[in-house]
Amino acid sequence: MITPQNAIQPDVWQNINPQLSISNSFDGIGSDAAVVAASGGFDPSSLSDRFWDEGYFLIEDILPIDELAMLRRGIENLVANDLPPAMIYLYDEAWQVFMRLRPLLSHFLGERIALLPHFWAWHVDPGEDGRGWPPHRDYQGESAIGDEMVISLSLWVPLSTAMPENGCMYVLPRSFERTYDHPVTKPQDVPLQDVRALPAKPGTVMGWRQDLYHWGGRASKHATEPRMSLSLEFQNAAFDPLAQQLLALDRPPVFLERLELIAAQFEKYTHMQSIGPEVVAWAKAIMNECRANRAG
């Protein structure tokens, strides 16, 4: 694994993934990306109907497959070097995926969009008893006002084909949960027939209210490929911040800020998946190196 001292050198990461870029400037990228996303097209009316009824939406063929393929290869290279998949966010292209989706985000969140510092990347390996995150809600507080206004939203992007065999996403539609006598607080509260699998192929974008009960499946050892995916969270910046630090959609953090931000995710998500103490210690040491570099 890359040492914390070497981790603060962009060239180290560039050598692992030469097909991807690491830059300190995003001038002009935001507007171009938005045009690409808009040209993909989506039906706002049908999206809204499902979103307010069931709590989620799924749009196929909205993202460019070739760029997602480069990110998939990026995660494969990281894993081959015994590095966590979440380090993919060091590269510009991981942020550009979500920058392309501004028209979609604006439809739900309005024009004042902020990134929440909560994100992750997955490589669910069937050969290692891989599984996604357990049943949860992304935010325990208020993430929407009635059925009229969204405060915060999660987006999820598959880089490989996600299917039940390799641990695709599962949701409990809100239309079902609303009929229950009490809110779901644990998996045992969910009738199995109400569970909905959401298989998805690269190019798809999935989004949900942050109070939607959802989880990633457990992969079969017979699955033919890992499930690789990215997720990022957003909020309507007209509301009070849901995190201490909000990020700008069109100007993601520069390299050292990205590195420190990524490193901060590991300890935060130890309750969601198995992250060894040595990886958490490595991430903390990287954070210290980033801070020392800035101070110097």
Protein backbone atom coordinates (compact mmCIF):
# COMPACT_ATOMS: atom_id res chain seq x y z
CA MET A 1 0.00 0.00 0.00
CA ILE A 2 1.14 3.54 -0.70
CA THR A 3 2.70 5.14 2.37
CA PRO A 4 1.12 8.29 3.86
CA GLN A 5 4.26 10.20 2.94
CA ASN A 6 4.04 9.16 -0.72
CA ALA A 7 0.28 9.61 -0.85
CA ILE A 8 0.55 13.40 -0.96
CA GLN A 9 2.39 13.19 -4.31
CA PRO A 10 -0.05 13.36 -7.25
CA ASP A 11 2.38 11.50 -9.53
CA VAL A 12 2.11 8.40 -7.36
CA TRP A 13 -1.62 8.18 -8.05
CA GLN A 14 -1.24 9.26 -11.68
CA ASN A 15 1.13 6.35 -12.29
CA ILE A 16 -1.52 3.90 -11.03
CA ASN A 17 -4.16 5.31 -13.37
CA PRO A 18 -2.54 7.10 -16.32
CA GLN A 19 -5.86 7.04 -18.20
CA LEU A 20 -7.35 9.41 -15.59
CA SER A 21 -6.38 12.97 -14.66
CA ILE A 22 -5.59 14.88 -11.49
CA SER A 23 -5.75 18.66 -11.84
CA ASN A 24 -6.06 21.70 -9.62
CA SER A 25 -8.40 23.60 -11.89
CA PHE A 26 -11.93 22.90 -13.09
CA ASP A 27 -12.42 26.11 -15.08
CA GLY A 28 -14.95 25.57 -17.82
CA ILE A 29 -15.66 21.93 -17.06
CA GLY A 30 -18.94 22.54 -15.25
CA SER A 31 -20.77 24.18 -18.16
CA ASP A 32 -19.61 21.58 -20.71
CA ALA A 33 -20.61 18.72 -18.46
CA ALA A 34 -24.08 20.13 -17.95
CA VAL A 35 -24.65 20.28 -21.71
CA VAL A 36 -23.70 16.62 -22.08
CA ALA A 37 -26.07 15.56 -19.32
CA ALA A 38 -28.90 17.63 -20.71
CA SER A 39 -28.47 16.10 -24.16
CA GLY A 40 -28.96 12.64 -22.65
CA GLY A 41 -32.50 13.62 -21.77
CA PHE A 42 -34.88 12.61 -19.02
CA ASP A 43 -38.57 13.03 -18.44
CA PRO A 44 -38.95 15.28 -15.37
CA SER A 45 -42.64 14.47 -14.96
CA SER A 46 -42.24 10.69 -14.78
CA LEU A 47 -39.17 11.01 -12.56
CA SER A 48 -41.03 13.21 -10.12
CA ASP A 49 -44.06 10.93 -10.03
CA ARG A 50 -42.00 7.90 -9.00
CA PHE A 51 -39.72 9.90 -6.72
CA TRP A 52 -42.55 11.36 -4.64
CA ASP A 53 -44.48 8.11 -4.61
CA GLU A 54 -41.75 5.52 -4.09
CA GLY A 55 -38.80 7.64 -2.98
CA TYR A 56 -36.38 6.94 -5.81
CA PHE A 57 -35.77 7.22 -9.55
CA LEU A 58 -33.69 5.30 -12.09
CA ILE A 59 -32.62 6.71 -15.45
CA GLU A 60 -30.89 4.55 -18.05
CA ASP A 61 -28.40 5.64 -20.73
CA ILE A 62 -27.78 9.14 -19.42
CA LEU A 63 -23.99 8.93 -18.79
CA PRO A 64 -21.23 8.24 -21.38
CA ILE A 65 -20.16 4.59 -21.20
CA ASP A 66 -16.57 5.24 -22.32
CA GLU A 67 -15.86 7.60 -19.43
CA LEU A 68 -17.41 5.20 -16.94
CA ALA A 69 -15.23 2.42 -18.37
CA MET A 70 -12.13 4.47 -17.56
CA LEU A 71 -13.32 4.86 -13.97
CA ARG A 72 -14.07 1.14 -13.75
CA ARG A 73 -10.53 0.43 -14.87
CA GLY A 74 -9.36 2.99 -12.32
CA ILE A 75 -11.01 1.09 -9.46
CA GLU A 76 -9.65 -2.21 -10.79
CA ASN A 77 -6.14 -0.73 -10.78
CA LEU A 78 -6.53 0.59 -7.26
CA VAL A 79 -7.74 -2.78 -5.98
CA ALA A 80 -4.89 -4.55 -7.80
CA ASN A 81 -2.50 -2.29 -5.86
CA ASP A 82 -4.21 -3.12 -2.53
CA LEU A 83 -5.75 0.34 -2.36
CA PRO A 84 -9.34 1.19 -1.37
CA PRO A 85 -11.79 1.88 -4.22
CA ALA A 86 -12.75 5.21 -2.59
CA MET A 87 -9.37 6.61 -3.70
CA ILE A 88 -10.96 6.91 -7.18
CA TYR A 89 -12.19 10.33 -6.03
CA LEU A 90 -8.64 11.62 -6.34
CA TYR A 91 -9.23 11.72 -10.08
CA ASP A 92 -11.07 14.47 -11.92
CA GLU A 93 -13.29 12.08 -13.84
CA ALA A 94 -15.04 10.79 -10.71
CA TRP A 95 -16.22 14.30 -9.89
CA GLN A 96 -17.07 15.07 -13.51
CA VAL A 97 -19.60 12.22 -13.55
CA PHE A 98 -21.71 14.11 -11.05
CA MET A 99 -20.99 17.54 -12.53
CA ARG A 100 -22.63 16.26 -15.71
CA LEU A 101 -25.82 15.69 -13.77
CA ARG A 102 -26.49 19.31 -12.80
CA PRO A 103 -29.74 19.50 -14.84
CA LEU A 104 -31.03 16.42 -13.01
CA LEU A 105 -29.95 17.75 -9.62
CA SER A 106 -31.45 21.16 -10.35
CA HIS A 107 -34.79 19.55 -11.13
CA PHE A 108 -34.99 18.19 -7.59
CA LEU A 109 -32.83 20.59 -5.56
CA GLY A 110 -33.10 23.91 -7.38
CA GLU A 111 -30.17 25.93 -8.66
CA ARG A 112 -28.33 26.27 -5.34
CA ILE A 113 -26.70 22.85 -5.18
CA ALA A 114 -24.01 21.88 -2.70
CA LEU A 115 -22.06 18.65 -2.34
CA LEU A 116 -22.18 17.01 1.03
CA PRO A 117 -18.82 15.59 2.17
CA HIS A 118 -20.27 12.07 2.19
CA PHE A 119 -19.25 9.77 -0.64
CA TRP A 120 -17.96 6.29 -1.31
CA ALA A 121 -16.95 3.84 -4.04
CA TRP A 122 -17.52 0.09 -4.04
CA HIS A 123 -15.83 -2.98 -5.45
CA VAL A 124 -18.11 -5.81 -4.30
CA ASP A 125 -16.04 -8.91 -5.02
CA PRO A 126 -18.03 -12.17 -5.38
CA GLY A 127 -14.89 -14.17 -4.68
CA GLU A 128 -14.44 -12.58 -1.25
CA ASP A 129 -17.99 -12.89 0.05
CA GLY A 130 -18.57 -9.31 -1.09
CA ARG A 131 -21.64 -7.37 -0.06
CA GLY A 132 -22.94 -3.82 -0.19
CA TRP A 133 -23.87 -1.69 2.78
CA PRO A 134 -26.50 -3.03 5.20
CA PRO A 135 -30.06 -1.61 5.36
CA HIS A 136 -30.00 2.06 6.31
CA ARG A 137 -31.20 5.58 5.56
CA ASP A 138 -28.58 8.06 4.36
CA TYR A 139 -29.82 10.79 6.70
CA GLN A 140 -31.78 10.39 9.90
CA GLY A 141 -33.10 13.95 10.01
CA GLU A 142 -35.49 15.81 7.72
CA SER A 143 -34.45 15.36 4.07
CA ALA A 144 -37.65 16.57 2.43
CA ILE A 145 -40.52 18.88 3.23
CA GLY A 146 -43.67 16.89 2.70
CA ASP A 147 -44.02 15.74 -0.88
CA GLU A 148 -43.14 19.07 -2.41
CA MET A 149 -39.52 20.00 -1.72
CA VAL A 150 -36.27 18.03 -1.40
CA ILE A 151 -33.62 19.12 1.07
CA SER A 152 -31.05 16.41 0.30
CA LEU A 153 -30.58 13.71 -2.30
CA SER A 154 -28.26 10.75 -2.93
CA LEU A 155 -27.05 9.69 -6.38
CA TRP A 156 -25.63 6.26 -7.19
CA VAL A 157 -23.82 5.36 -10.43
CA PRO A 158 -22.89 1.78 -11.46
CA LEU A 159 -19.56 1.33 -13.27
CA SER A 160 -20.22 -2.36 -13.93
CA THR A 161 -23.51 -4.15 -14.44
CA ALA A 162 -25.23 -4.36 -11.05
CA MET A 163 -27.51 -7.37 -10.68
CA PRO A 164 -28.84 -9.51 -7.84
CA GLU A 165 -25.97 -11.97 -8.40
CA ASN A 166 -23.28 -9.37 -7.59
CA GLY A 167 -25.04 -7.27 -4.98
CA CYS A 168 -27.22 -4.68 -6.73
CA MET A 169 -29.19 -2.06 -4.81
CA TYR A 170 -32.40 -2.91 -2.99
CA VAL A 171 -35.01 -0.46 -1.71
CA LEU A 172 -38.16 -0.42 0.35
CA PRO A 173 -40.45 1.86 -1.69
CA ARG A 174 -41.95 4.63 0.42
CA SER A 175 -45.37 3.82 -1.00
CA PHE A 176 -45.17 0.50 0.85
CA GLU A 177 -43.65 1.85 4.04
CA ARG A 178 -46.39 4.47 4.32
CA THR A 179 -48.93 1.66 4.80
CA TYR A 180 -47.08 0.22 7.81
CA ASP A 181 -48.25 0.77 11.37
CA HIS A 182 -44.85 2.17 12.34
CA PRO A 183 -41.67 3.30 10.54
CA VAL A 184 -39.07 0.68 9.71
CA THR A 185 -36.16 0.71 12.16
CA LYS A 186 -34.61 -2.69 11.43
CA PRO A 187 -34.61 -5.21 8.57
CA GLN A 188 -37.02 -7.50 10.39
CA ASP A 189 -39.68 -4.80 10.00
CA VAL A 190 -39.71 -5.21 6.20
CA PRO A 191 -42.03 -7.81 4.59
CA LEU A 192 -39.86 -9.66 2.10
CA GLN A 193 -42.37 -9.23 -0.74
CA ASP A 194 -42.07 -5.44 -0.40
CA VAL A 195 -38.33 -5.49 -1.19
CA ARG A 196 -37.46 -4.25 -4.68
CA ALA A 197 -34.21 -5.11 -6.46
CA LEU A 198 -32.84 -2.41 -8.77
CA PRO A 199 -30.49 -3.96 -11.33
CA ALA A 200 -28.68 -1.36 -13.39
CA LYS A 201 -26.09 -1.21 -16.14
CA PRO A 202 -23.34 1.39 -16.74
CA GLY A 203 -24.77 4.64 -18.04
CA THR A 204 -27.57 4.51 -15.47
CA VAL A 205 -28.11 6.99 -12.66
CA MET A 206 -30.12 6.10 -9.59
CA GLY A 207 -31.25 8.66 -7.01
CA TRP A 208 -33.27 8.60 -3.82
CA ARG A 209 -34.55 10.68 -0.95
CA GLN A 210 -32.16 10.41 1.95
CA ASP A 211 -34.89 8.96 4.15
CA LEU A 212 -35.41 5.99 1.81
CA TYR A 213 -34.63 2.63 3.43
CA HIS A 214 -32.17 0.84 1.13
CA TRP A 215 -29.13 -1.45 1.03
CA GLY A 216 -26.70 -3.31 -1.19
CA GLY A 217 -27.02 -7.05 -1.70
CA ARG A 218 -24.62 -9.88 -0.99
CA ALA A 219 -22.83 -11.25 -4.04
CA SER A 220 -22.98 -14.86 -5.13
CA LYS A 221 -19.70 -16.67 -5.60
CA HIS A 222 -21.08 -17.60 -9.03
CA ALA A 223 -21.35 -13.97 -10.17
CA THR A 224 -19.29 -13.27 -13.27
CA GLU A 225 -18.06 -9.78 -12.32
CA PRO A 226 -17.70 -7.50 -9.29
CA ARG A 227 -20.22 -4.76 -8.65
CA MET A 228 -18.41 -1.41 -8.93
CA SER A 229 -20.20 1.86 -8.23
CA LEU A 230 -19.93 5.45 -7.03
CA SER A 231 -22.17 7.47 -4.73
CA LEU A 232 -22.29 11.12 -3.75
CA GLU A 233 -24.76 13.17 -1.71
CA PHE A 234 -26.19 16.64 -2.39
CA GLN A 235 -28.32 19.23 -0.69
CA ASN A 236 -30.35 22.29 -1.57
CA ALA A 237 -28.05 25.02 -0.29
CA ALA A 238 -31.01 27.29 0.42
CA PHE A 239 -31.49 25.24 3.60
CA ASP A 240 -29.23 25.12 6.63
CA PRO A 241 -26.10 23.01 5.96
CA LEU A 242 -26.49 19.32 6.78
CA ALA A 243 -22.74 19.01 7.30
CA GLN A 244 -20.02 21.23 8.68
CA GLN A 245 -18.32 21.47 5.30
CA LEU A 246 -20.20 21.88 2.02
CA LEU A 247 -18.50 21.65 -1.35
CA ALA A 248 -19.19 23.39 -4.65
CA LEU A 249 -20.57 21.16 -7.40
CA ASP A 250 -18.73 22.98 -10.20
CA ARG A 251 -15.45 23.35 -8.32
CA PRO A 252 -14.54 20.13 -6.54
CA PRO A 253 -11.62 20.27 -4.09
CA VAL A 254 -8.06 20.40 -5.41
CA PHE A 255 -5.68 17.48 -4.91
CA LEU A 256 -4.59 17.78 -1.27
CA GLU A 257 -8.08 18.80 -0.19
CA ARG A 258 -9.51 15.81 -2.05
CA LEU A 259 -6.99 13.48 -0.47
CA GLU A 260 -7.76 14.69 3.05
CA LEU A 261 -11.50 14.56 2.37
CA ILE A 262 -11.32 10.99 1.06
CA ALA A 263 -9.17 9.90 4.00
CA ALA A 264 -11.80 11.29 6.38
CA GLN A 265 -14.43 8.90 5.00
CA PHE A 266 -12.84 5.68 6.23
CA GLU A 267 -13.38 5.98 9.96
CA LYS A 268 -16.81 7.46 9.31
CA TYR A 269 -18.00 4.35 7.47
CA THR A 270 -16.54 1.56 9.61
CA HIS A 271 -20.07 0.86 10.84
CA MET A 272 -21.27 0.28 7.28
CA GLN A 273 -18.65 -2.16 6.03
CA SER A 274 -15.59 -4.03 7.19
CA ILE A 275 -12.68 -1.59 7.17
CA GLY A 276 -9.63 -2.89 9.00
CA PRO A 277 -8.01 -0.81 11.75
CA GLU A 278 -4.80 -0.69 9.72
CA VAL A 279 -6.67 1.02 6.85
CA VAL A 280 -8.25 3.52 9.24
CA ALA A 281 -4.80 4.25 10.73
CA TRP A 282 -3.38 4.67 7.22
CA ALA A 283 -6.13 7.13 6.34
CA LYS A 284 -5.58 9.13 9.54
CA ALA A 285 -1.85 9.32 8.79
CA ILE A 286 -2.64 10.65 5.31
CA MET A 287 -4.85 13.33 6.85
CA ASN A 288 -1.98 14.36 9.10
CA GLU A 289 0.40 14.51 6.13
CA CYS A 290 -2.04 16.73 4.22
CA ARG A 291 -2.38 19.10 7.15
CA ALA A 292 1.37 19.24 7.73
CA ASN A 293 1.95 19.96 4.03
CA ARG A 294 -0.50 22.87 4.10
CA ALA A 295 1.00 24.23 7.31
CA GLY A 296 4.49 24.07 5.87
